[in-house]
């Protein structure tokens, strides 16, 4: 599946717009003290894990619409109540040829 933040895919023609799809990941954040490099690396790994999970859910939702690409992807990171970390990925599911 092709994923892009742009609204078009060079070399491909969008033949059908199938709808807006999202992928959301929610992870419980542990208390981090940013005084050490180890904790900074742990927080970075948490962000990467949440982002990957959100993208997997986006691809699953797009596949259910029989899409082979998602265009116009935007990513939003949120921190709620200092305890939860959210990553939301949104785009338009399309068929390309």
C-alpha atoms as a PDB file:
ATOM      1  CA  UNK A   1       0.000   0.000   0.000  1.00  0.00           C
ATOM      2  CA  UNK A   2       1.276   3.458  -0.923  1.00  0.00           C
ATOM      3  CA  UNK A   3       1.159   6.025   1.882  1.00  0.00           C
ATOM      4  CA  UNK A   4       1.894   9.703   1.253  1.00  0.00           C
ATOM      5  CA  UNK A   5       1.374  13.125   2.750  1.00  0.00           C
ATOM      6  CA  UNK A   6       0.875  14.586  -0.722  1.00  0.00           C
ATOM      7  CA  UNK A   7      -2.482  14.708  -2.514  1.00  0.00           C
ATOM      8  CA  UNK A   8      -1.163  12.971  -5.618  1.00  0.00           C
ATOM      9  CA  UNK A   9       1.291  10.163  -6.341  1.00  0.00           C
ATOM     10  CA  UNK A  10       3.763  10.801  -9.115  1.00  0.00           C
ATOM     11  CA  UNK A  11       3.396   8.196 -11.854  1.00  0.00           C
ATOM     12  CA  UNK A  12      -0.028   7.071 -10.659  1.00  0.00           C
ATOM     13  CA  UNK A  13      -3.548   8.180 -11.449  1.00  0.00           C
ATOM     14  CA  UNK A  14      -6.200   8.186  -8.736  1.00  0.00           C
ATOM     15  CA  UNK A  15      -9.148   6.269 -10.162  1.00  0.00           C
ATOM     16  CA  UNK A  16     -11.431   6.294  -7.120  1.00  0.00           C
ATOM     17  CA  UNK A  17     -11.722   8.183  -3.842  1.00  0.00           C
ATOM     18  CA  UNK A  18     -13.000   5.771  -1.193  1.00  0.00           C
ATOM     19  CA  UNK A  19     -13.230   7.931   1.914  1.00  0.00           C
ATOM     20  CA  UNK A  20     -11.374   9.313   4.889  1.00  0.00           C
ATOM     21  CA  UNK A  21      -9.529   6.780   7.023  1.00  0.00           C
ATOM     22  CA  UNK A  22      -7.845   7.110  10.403  1.00  0.00           C
ATOM     23  CA  UNK A  23      -5.542   5.189  12.651  1.00  0.00           C
ATOM     24  CA  UNK A  24      -5.251   6.048  16.320  1.00  0.00           C
ATOM     25  CA  UNK A  25      -2.858   4.741  18.923  1.00  0.00           C
ATOM     26  CA  UNK A  26      -3.164   5.356  22.646  1.00  0.00           C
ATOM     27  CA  UNK A  27      -0.321   4.457  24.962  1.00  0.00           C
ATOM     28  CA  UNK A  28       0.087   4.945  28.670  1.00  0.00           C
ATOM     29  CA  UNK A  29       3.105   7.082  29.330  1.00  0.00           C
ATOM     30  CA  UNK A  30       5.320   6.221  32.241  1.00  0.00           C
ATOM     31  CA  UNK A  31       6.961   8.969  34.220  1.00  0.00           C
ATOM     32  CA  UNK A  32      10.097  10.086  32.467  1.00  0.00           C
ATOM     33  CA  UNK A  33      12.809  12.258  33.842  1.00  0.00           C
ATOM     34  CA  UNK A  34      14.507  13.824  30.865  1.00  0.00           C
ATOM     35  CA  UNK A  35      17.730  14.199  32.805  1.00  0.00           C
ATOM     36  CA  UNK A  36      19.279  11.105  31.247  1.00  0.00           C
ATOM     37  CA  UNK A  37      19.860  10.027  27.672  1.00  0.00           C
ATOM     38  CA  UNK A  38      18.374   6.599  28.485  1.00  0.00           C
ATOM     39  CA  UNK A  39      15.027   8.170  29.393  1.00  0.00           C
ATOM     40  CA  UNK A  40      15.086  10.353  26.281  1.00  0.00           C
ATOM     41  CA  UNK A  41      15.668   7.223  24.189  1.00  0.00           C
ATOM     42  CA  UNK A  42      12.821   5.412  25.979  1.00  0.00           C
ATOM     43  CA  UNK A  43      10.429   8.277  25.243  1.00  0.00           C
ATOM     44  CA  UNK A  44      11.542   8.309  21.608  1.00  0.00           C
ATOM     45  CA  UNK A  45      10.857   4.576  21.377  1.00  0.00           C
ATOM     46  CA  UNK A  46       7.392   5.138  22.857  1.00  0.00           C
ATOM     47  CA  UNK A  47       6.619   7.744  20.189  1.00  0.00           C
ATOM     48  CA  UNK A  48       7.865   5.430  17.431  1.00  0.00           C
ATOM     49  CA  UNK A  49       5.769   2.540  18.755  1.00  0.00           C
ATOM     50  CA  UNK A  50       2.620   4.672  18.931  1.00  0.00           C
ATOM     51  CA  UNK A  51       3.212   6.060  15.434  1.00  0.00           C
ATOM     52  CA  UNK A  52       3.764   2.605  13.937  1.00  0.00           C
ATOM     53  CA  UNK A  53       0.604   1.270  15.598  1.00  0.00           C
ATOM     54  CA  UNK A  54      -1.437   4.202  14.254  1.00  0.00           C
ATOM     55  CA  UNK A  55      -0.102   3.658  10.719  1.00  0.00           C
ATOM     56  CA  UNK A  56      -0.912  -0.064  10.882  1.00  0.00           C
ATOM     57  CA  UNK A  57      -4.497   0.752  11.880  1.00  0.00           C
ATOM     58  CA  UNK A  58      -4.719   3.318   9.052  1.00  0.00           C
ATOM     59  CA  UNK A  59      -3.588   0.697   6.527  1.00  0.00           C
ATOM     60  CA  UNK A  60      -6.052  -1.867   7.911  1.00  0.00           C
ATOM     61  CA  UNK A  61      -8.936   0.596   7.635  1.00  0.00           C
ATOM     62  CA  UNK A  62      -7.908   1.570   4.100  1.00  0.00           C
ATOM     63  CA  UNK A  63      -7.654  -2.099   3.069  1.00  0.00           C
ATOM     64  CA  UNK A  64     -11.190  -2.696   4.301  1.00  0.00           C
ATOM     65  CA  UNK A  65     -12.304  -0.092   1.738  1.00  0.00           C
ATOM     66  CA  UNK A  66     -10.311  -1.968  -0.954  1.00  0.00           C
ATOM     67  CA  UNK A  67      -7.852   0.948  -1.255  1.00  0.00           C
ATOM     68  CA  UNK A  68      -4.311   0.460  -2.505  1.00  0.00           C
ATOM     69  CA  UNK A  69      -3.093   3.889  -1.367  1.00  0.00           C
ATOM     70  CA  UNK A  70      -3.744   6.639   1.167  1.00  0.00           C
ATOM     71  CA  UNK A  71      -3.050  10.245   0.186  1.00  0.00           C
ATOM     72  CA  UNK A  72      -3.025  13.523   2.095  1.00  0.00           C
ATOM     73  CA  UNK A  73      -1.879  11.896   5.331  1.00  0.00           C
ATOM     74  CA  UNK A  74      -1.567  14.097   8.391  1.00  0.00           C
ATOM     75  CA  UNK A  75      -0.160  13.059  11.755  1.00  0.00           C
ATOM     76  CA  UNK A  76      -1.213  14.521  15.080  1.00  0.00           C
ATOM     77  CA  UNK A  77       0.529  13.909  18.404  1.00  0.00           C
ATOM     78  CA  UNK A  78      -1.338  14.640  21.641  1.00  0.00           C
ATOM     79  CA  UNK A  79      -0.489  14.330  25.313  1.00  0.00           C
ATOM     80  CA  UNK A  80      -3.572  13.973  27.525  1.00  0.00           C
ATOM     81  CA  UNK A  81      -3.455  14.556  31.280  1.00  0.00           C
ATOM     82  CA  UNK A  82       0.271  13.879  31.296  1.00  0.00           C
ATOM     83  CA  UNK A  83      -0.424  10.144  31.404  1.00  0.00           C
ATOM     84  CA  UNK A  84      -1.569   9.170  27.919  1.00  0.00           C
ATOM     85  CA  UNK A  85       0.085   9.700  24.569  1.00  0.00           C
ATOM     86  CA  UNK A  86      -2.068   9.700  21.411  1.00  0.00           C
ATOM     87  CA  UNK A  87      -1.016   9.487  17.795  1.00  0.00           C
ATOM     88  CA  UNK A  88      -3.699  10.057  15.175  1.00  0.00           C
ATOM     89  CA  UNK A  89      -3.050   9.472  11.475  1.00  0.00           C
ATOM     90  CA  UNK A  90      -5.684  10.612   8.937  1.00  0.00           C
ATOM     91  CA  UNK A  91      -5.798  10.468   5.144  1.00  0.00           C
ATOM     92  CA  UNK A  92      -7.945   9.738   2.108  1.00  0.00           C
ATOM     93  CA  UNK A  93      -8.185   6.119   0.963  1.00  0.00           C
ATOM     94  CA  UNK A  94      -7.923   5.845  -2.824  1.00  0.00           C
ATOM     95  CA  UNK A  95      -7.479   3.386  -5.675  1.00  0.00           C
ATOM     96  CA  UNK A  96      -4.585   4.192  -7.949  1.00  0.00           C
ATOM     97  CA  UNK A  97      -3.515   2.735 -11.264  1.00  0.00           C
END
